Amino acid sequence: MAVPTRYILHQGPVLGALARAAVVAAKSASGKPNKAPAQVPGPIITAKISPRPADLVRDYIIHVGGDPAWYRGQVPAHLFPQWVFPLQARGIEGLQYPIQRVLNGGSRLQMNAPLPLGEPFELKVQLIDIDDNGRRAVIHQRAITSTASHPEAVVADVYGIVPLGGGDKSEKRKDDRPRVPVVCKELARWELGTHVGLDFAKLTGDFNPIHWIPPAARANGFRNVINHGFSTMARAIEGLNRSLFSGDVSRLEAIDVKFTRPLVLPAKVGLYIEDDSVFVGDAPGGPAYLVGTYSVRS
């Protein structure tokens, strides 16, 4: 299903945040120094989020492999980047790192209560920690989405990784990134075309060009456009909902994932589980693009 271009009209806050990030990157490239190191934990930034458009929510669910009937009257928790990203961008604008190079390292999503469709949300975003070892900086932010009936309906911890280029480059390090277990259960298999990045961008506002413009992706060291990390996570969640929970979206309590390597498009990948661990990868024994764990309500 082609995602309508009209949804771009709903992405003003995200597009504005991307534009501000581009301005910050340009100033950094011109030689103007960034601000002093941030104090952590940082201040809490708040916002009131207007109700999500029902048609956008429906088409988003379909796009990531879910069924809108499962979410009757609800907004999927994994759509959170669509309203969280602008405040996250504000929270890291003044950091001393080259923020234009930040990569999505992973996220933990705690789902405490449903997000009612058609109702406004209250949002709090805070910089929690920065782990800098000289080679990379891991920026940890927490976003709490509240509803009228629950003060912490959805809690999302997001980890951004900024490569710093330090360390000894004289030795070629072996690829010890995670792989899909040889013995595991396949729940789903997806064929993802190069259009997936642009469609996800229309639905969420994340128009980072590495996800939908091939020359931009290649300029950043990728063979072609790469899938959004949050798109891979959302597909994994909907795969669990379909295969393990028969569409009961209340069963999944939390999921904690890392994005371990770029998922270059087009791609054919599978969703796998082993006990309470979840993987997205090429095949058992092959490279994993997402690894994590999940917990279920009893």
Protein backbone atom coordinates (compact mmCIF):
# COMPACT_ATOMS: atom_id res chain seq x y z
CA MET A 1 0.00 0.00 0.00
CA ALA A 2 1.41 3.38 -1.02
CA VAL A 3 1.55 5.87 1.86
CA PRO A 4 -0.20 9.15 0.95
CA THR A 5 2.05 12.18 0.61
CA ARG A 6 -0.52 14.29 2.47
CA TYR A 7 0.74 12.91 5.79
CA ILE A 8 3.79 15.15 5.43
CA LEU A 9 1.46 18.02 6.41
CA HIS A 10 1.21 16.46 9.91
CA GLN A 11 4.99 16.35 10.40
CA GLY A 12 5.71 20.03 11.01
CA PRO A 13 7.32 19.63 14.46
CA VAL A 14 9.61 16.80 13.31
CA LEU A 15 10.62 18.60 10.12
CA GLY A 16 11.32 21.72 12.14
CA ALA A 17 13.56 19.73 14.48
CA LEU A 18 15.46 18.28 11.51
CA ALA A 19 15.91 21.77 10.09
CA ARG A 20 17.29 23.05 13.40
CA ALA A 21 19.67 20.09 13.54
CA ALA A 22 20.91 20.98 10.05
CA VAL A 23 21.58 24.57 11.15
CA VAL A 24 23.51 23.35 14.20
CA ALA A 25 25.54 21.02 11.96
CA ALA A 26 26.32 23.89 9.57
CA LYS A 27 27.54 26.09 12.42
CA SER A 28 29.73 23.28 13.68
CA ALA A 29 31.21 22.76 10.21
CA SER A 30 31.99 26.48 9.97
CA GLY A 31 34.29 26.20 12.95
CA LYS A 32 32.06 27.70 15.61
CA PRO A 33 32.55 25.72 18.83
CA ASN A 34 29.68 23.90 20.49
CA LYS A 35 28.66 24.69 24.03
CA ALA A 36 30.33 23.26 27.12
CA PRO A 37 29.65 19.64 28.11
CA ALA A 38 26.09 19.09 29.25
CA GLN A 39 25.13 18.51 32.84
CA VAL A 40 23.36 15.19 33.37
CA PRO A 41 20.66 14.49 34.20
CA GLY A 42 19.43 17.42 32.16
CA PRO A 43 16.32 19.57 32.58
CA ILE A 44 12.90 18.10 31.87
CA ILE A 45 11.35 19.46 28.68
CA THR A 46 7.57 19.28 28.47
CA ALA A 47 4.95 19.59 25.75
CA LYS A 48 1.29 18.92 25.14
CA ILE A 49 0.74 16.62 22.18
CA SER A 50 -2.42 17.06 20.14
CA PRO A 51 -4.48 13.98 19.23
CA ARG A 52 -2.90 11.84 16.51
CA PRO A 53 -4.82 11.81 13.19
CA ALA A 54 -6.87 8.60 12.97
CA ASP A 55 -6.09 7.98 9.28
CA LEU A 56 -2.35 8.41 9.82
CA VAL A 57 -2.44 5.98 12.76
CA ARG A 58 -4.36 3.42 10.68
CA ASP A 59 -1.97 3.59 7.74
CA TYR A 60 1.05 3.49 10.05
CA ILE A 61 -0.19 0.27 11.65
CA ILE A 62 -0.69 -1.30 8.23
CA HIS A 63 2.72 -0.11 7.04
CA VAL A 64 4.59 -1.85 9.88
CA GLY A 65 2.65 -5.10 9.51
CA GLY A 66 -0.08 -4.73 12.10
CA ASP A 67 -3.86 -4.86 11.88
CA PRO A 68 -5.83 -1.69 12.75
CA ALA A 69 -8.56 -3.90 14.25
CA TRP A 70 -6.14 -4.83 17.04
CA TYR A 71 -5.83 -1.16 18.02
CA ARG A 72 -9.47 -0.14 18.04
CA GLY A 73 -9.44 3.25 19.80
CA GLN A 74 -5.70 3.14 20.52
CA VAL A 75 -2.44 4.58 19.23
CA PRO A 76 0.43 2.06 19.02
CA ALA A 77 3.10 2.82 21.61
CA HIS A 78 5.82 2.24 19.01
CA LEU A 79 4.64 5.33 17.09
CA PHE A 80 6.19 7.38 19.91
CA PRO A 81 9.08 8.80 17.78
CA GLN A 82 6.50 10.78 15.78
CA TRP A 83 5.75 13.03 18.77
CA VAL A 84 8.91 12.52 20.87
CA PHE A 85 11.63 13.35 18.32
CA PRO A 86 11.17 17.17 18.33
CA LEU A 87 11.72 17.38 22.09
CA GLN A 88 14.60 14.91 21.94
CA ALA A 89 16.28 17.11 19.35
CA ARG A 90 15.85 20.16 21.58
CA GLY A 91 17.35 18.27 24.50
CA ILE A 92 20.66 17.59 22.74
CA GLU A 93 21.10 20.74 20.62
CA GLY A 94 23.71 22.24 22.91
CA LEU A 95 25.92 19.19 23.35
CA GLN A 96 29.62 19.25 22.48
CA TYR A 97 29.25 16.33 20.05
CA PRO A 98 28.68 16.36 16.26
CA ILE A 99 24.97 15.67 16.63
CA GLN A 100 24.49 15.44 12.86
CA ARG A 101 26.34 12.10 13.05
CA VAL A 102 24.17 10.53 15.74
CA LEU A 103 22.97 6.98 15.02
CA ASN A 104 20.03 5.19 16.59
CA GLY A 105 21.58 2.63 18.93
CA GLY A 106 18.41 1.17 20.40
CA SER A 107 15.43 1.71 22.65
CA ARG A 108 13.57 0.27 25.61
CA LEU A 109 9.80 0.67 25.39
CA GLN A 110 7.71 0.13 28.53
CA MET A 111 3.96 -0.02 27.83
CA ASN A 112 2.06 0.57 31.07
CA ALA A 113 -1.31 1.64 29.69
CA PRO A 114 -3.02 2.19 26.31
CA LEU A 115 -2.70 5.48 24.44
CA PRO A 116 -6.27 6.54 23.59
CA LEU A 117 -6.86 7.61 20.01
CA GLY A 118 -8.40 11.07 19.74
CA GLU A 119 -7.03 12.32 23.09
CA PRO A 120 -4.09 14.69 23.74
CA PHE A 121 -0.97 13.47 25.52
CA GLU A 122 1.43 15.11 27.94
CA LEU A 123 5.10 14.56 27.14
CA LYS A 124 8.25 14.85 29.25
CA VAL A 125 11.72 14.34 27.76
CA GLN A 126 14.99 14.37 29.71
CA LEU A 127 18.66 13.76 28.98
CA ILE A 128 19.55 10.99 31.44
CA ASP A 129 23.19 10.19 30.81
CA ILE A 130 26.14 10.42 28.39
CA ASP A 131 28.66 7.58 28.21
CA ASP A 132 31.79 8.80 26.39
CA ASN A 133 34.73 6.40 26.06
CA GLY A 134 36.66 8.43 23.49
CA ARG A 135 35.60 6.27 20.53
CA ARG A 136 31.89 6.94 20.74
CA ALA A 137 29.39 8.73 22.96
CA VAL A 138 26.12 7.06 23.94
CA ILE A 139 23.40 9.62 24.66
CA HIS A 140 20.56 8.28 26.80
CA GLN A 141 17.25 10.16 26.78
CA ARG A 142 13.96 9.22 28.42
CA ALA A 143 10.53 10.20 27.11
CA ILE A 144 7.39 9.75 29.22
CA THR A 145 4.03 9.98 27.49
CA SER A 146 1.13 10.57 29.88
CA THR A 147 -2.61 10.31 29.34
CA ALA A 148 -5.55 11.58 31.36
CA SER A 149 -5.80 8.21 33.08
CA HIS A 150 -2.14 7.25 33.52
CA PRO A 151 0.87 9.48 34.37
CA GLU A 152 3.38 7.12 32.71
CA ALA A 153 1.39 5.33 30.04
CA VAL A 154 4.46 4.79 27.82
CA VAL A 155 8.08 5.20 28.87
CA ALA A 156 10.68 5.16 26.11
CA ASP A 157 14.41 5.11 26.77
CA VAL A 158 16.32 5.97 23.59
CA TYR A 159 20.05 5.57 23.03
CA GLY A 160 21.81 7.64 20.38
CA ILE A 161 25.39 6.76 19.41
CA VAL A 162 27.81 9.42 18.17
CA PRO A 163 31.01 8.01 16.57
CA LEU A 164 34.01 10.04 17.70
CA GLY A 165 36.76 8.42 15.64
CA GLY A 166 39.11 7.73 18.55
CA GLY A 167 40.91 4.50 19.36
CA ASP A 168 43.65 2.52 17.63
CA LYS A 169 42.86 2.11 13.94
CA SER A 170 46.07 0.20 13.17
CA GLU A 171 44.44 -3.12 14.01
CA LYS A 172 41.50 -4.34 12.00
CA ARG A 173 38.94 -5.52 14.51
CA LYS A 174 36.98 -8.62 13.70
CA ASP A 175 33.24 -8.37 13.29
CA ASP A 176 31.94 -9.61 16.64
CA ARG A 177 28.49 -8.10 16.29
CA PRO A 178 25.53 -10.33 17.26
CA ARG A 179 24.11 -12.97 14.96
CA VAL A 180 20.78 -14.76 14.89
CA PRO A 181 21.02 -17.97 16.97
CA VAL A 182 21.40 -21.10 14.90
CA VAL A 183 18.59 -22.75 16.87
CA CYS A 184 15.63 -20.37 17.03
CA LYS A 185 12.01 -20.05 15.92
CA GLU A 186 11.08 -18.00 12.87
CA LEU A 187 7.88 -16.02 13.37
CA ALA A 188 7.75 -13.98 10.17
CA ARG A 189 9.64 -13.11 7.03
CA TRP A 190 9.53 -9.72 5.33
CA GLU A 191 10.54 -8.44 1.92
CA LEU A 192 11.39 -4.75 2.30
CA GLY A 193 11.78 -2.58 -0.78
CA THR A 194 13.72 0.65 -1.11
CA HIS A 195 10.43 2.61 -0.77
CA VAL A 196 10.05 1.53 2.89
CA GLY A 197 12.24 4.37 4.19
CA LEU A 198 10.29 7.11 2.41
CA ASP A 199 6.95 5.62 3.45
CA PHE A 200 8.03 5.47 7.11
CA ALA A 201 9.27 9.06 6.84
CA LYS A 202 5.88 10.25 5.56
CA LEU A 203 4.20 8.62 8.56
CA THR A 204 6.63 9.75 11.25
CA GLY A 205 8.39 12.82 9.88
CA ASP A 206 11.89 11.32 10.12
CA PHE A 207 13.18 12.43 6.72
CA ASN A 208 16.84 11.75 7.42
CA PRO A 209 18.08 11.36 3.83
CA ILE A 210 20.08 8.18 4.55
CA HIS A 211 16.74 6.37 4.71
CA TRP A 212 15.32 7.41 1.34
CA ILE A 213 17.90 9.16 -0.87
CA PRO A 214 20.51 6.69 -2.23
CA PRO A 215 23.29 9.25 -2.93
CA ALA A 216 22.96 10.59 0.63
CA ALA A 217 23.16 7.07 2.05
CA ARG A 218 26.25 6.27 -0.04
CA ALA A 219 27.88 9.55 1.02
CA ASN A 220 27.53 8.33 4.61
CA GLY A 221 29.20 5.00 3.89
CA PHE A 222 26.19 2.77 3.17
CA ARG A 223 25.68 0.71 0.01
CA ASN A 224 22.14 2.05 -0.35
CA VAL A 225 19.39 3.53 1.79
CA ILE A 226 18.96 1.91 5.21
CA ASN A 227 15.80 1.13 7.11
CA HIS A 228 14.88 3.31 10.10
CA GLY A 229 15.75 1.54 13.34
CA PHE A 230 12.34 2.36 14.77
CA SER A 231 10.72 0.90 11.66
CA THR A 232 12.52 -2.40 12.28
CA MET A 233 11.48 -2.31 15.94
CA ALA A 234 7.84 -1.58 15.08
CA ARG A 235 7.76 -4.49 12.62
CA ALA A 236 9.23 -6.75 15.29
CA ILE A 237 6.55 -5.71 17.77
CA GLU A 238 3.76 -6.31 15.27
CA GLY A 239 5.30 -9.67 14.37
CA LEU A 240 5.12 -10.66 18.04
CA ASN A 241 1.55 -9.37 18.27
CA ARG A 242 0.51 -11.44 15.27
CA SER A 243 2.41 -14.67 15.86
CA LEU A 244 2.48 -14.98 19.65
CA PHE A 245 -0.49 -12.98 20.93
CA SER A 246 -3.11 -13.48 18.19
CA GLY A 247 -3.52 -9.72 17.84
CA ASP A 248 -3.94 -8.99 21.57
CA VAL A 249 -1.78 -5.85 21.75
CA SER A 250 -2.17 -5.63 25.53
CA ARG A 251 -0.02 -8.73 26.11
CA LEU A 252 3.37 -7.18 25.33
CA GLU A 253 4.58 -5.30 28.40
CA ALA A 254 8.05 -4.16 27.39
CA ILE A 255 10.66 -4.59 24.68
CA ASP A 256 14.33 -3.65 24.87
CA VAL A 257 16.28 -3.67 21.60
CA LYS A 258 19.63 -2.70 20.12
CA PHE A 259 20.23 -1.92 16.45
CA THR A 260 23.42 -3.83 15.81
CA ARG A 261 24.11 -3.11 12.13
CA PRO A 262 22.43 -1.11 9.34
CA LEU A 263 19.62 -2.86 7.47
CA VAL A 264 20.37 -1.93 3.87
CA LEU A 265 17.38 -1.87 1.53
CA PRO A 266 16.07 -3.74 -0.36
CA ALA A 267 16.22 -6.72 1.99
CA LYS A 268 14.62 -10.03 2.86
CA VAL A 269 14.80 -10.60 6.61
CA GLY A 270 13.15 -12.73 9.25
CA LEU A 271 11.83 -12.25 12.78
CA TYR A 272 13.16 -14.86 15.22
CA ILE A 273 12.76 -15.66 18.92
CA GLU A 274 14.64 -17.79 21.41
CA ASP A 275 12.96 -17.90 24.84
CA ASP A 276 12.41 -14.20 25.69
CA SER A 277 14.96 -12.93 23.14
CA VAL A 278 14.01 -11.45 19.78
CA PHE A 279 16.08 -11.00 16.62
CA VAL A 280 15.70 -9.54 13.14
CA GLY A 281 18.21 -10.98 10.70
CA ASP A 282 18.93 -12.67 7.42
CA ALA A 283 18.64 -16.28 8.67
CA PRO A 284 19.60 -18.49 11.64
CA GLY A 285 23.35 -18.14 12.09
CA GLY A 286 23.40 -15.01 9.91
CA PRO A 287 23.86 -11.33 10.75
CA ALA A 288 21.37 -9.73 13.15
CA TYR A 289 20.17 -6.18 12.59
CA LEU A 290 18.12 -6.02 15.78
CA VAL A 291 18.60 -7.98 19.00
CA GLY A 292 16.63 -7.62 22.20
CA THR A 293 14.40 -9.07 24.85
CA TYR A 294 10.69 -8.76 25.57
CA SER A 295 8.37 -9.36 28.52
CA VAL A 296 4.73 -10.39 28.55
CA ARG A 297 1.90 -9.63 30.95
CA SER A 298 0.63 -12.72 32.69
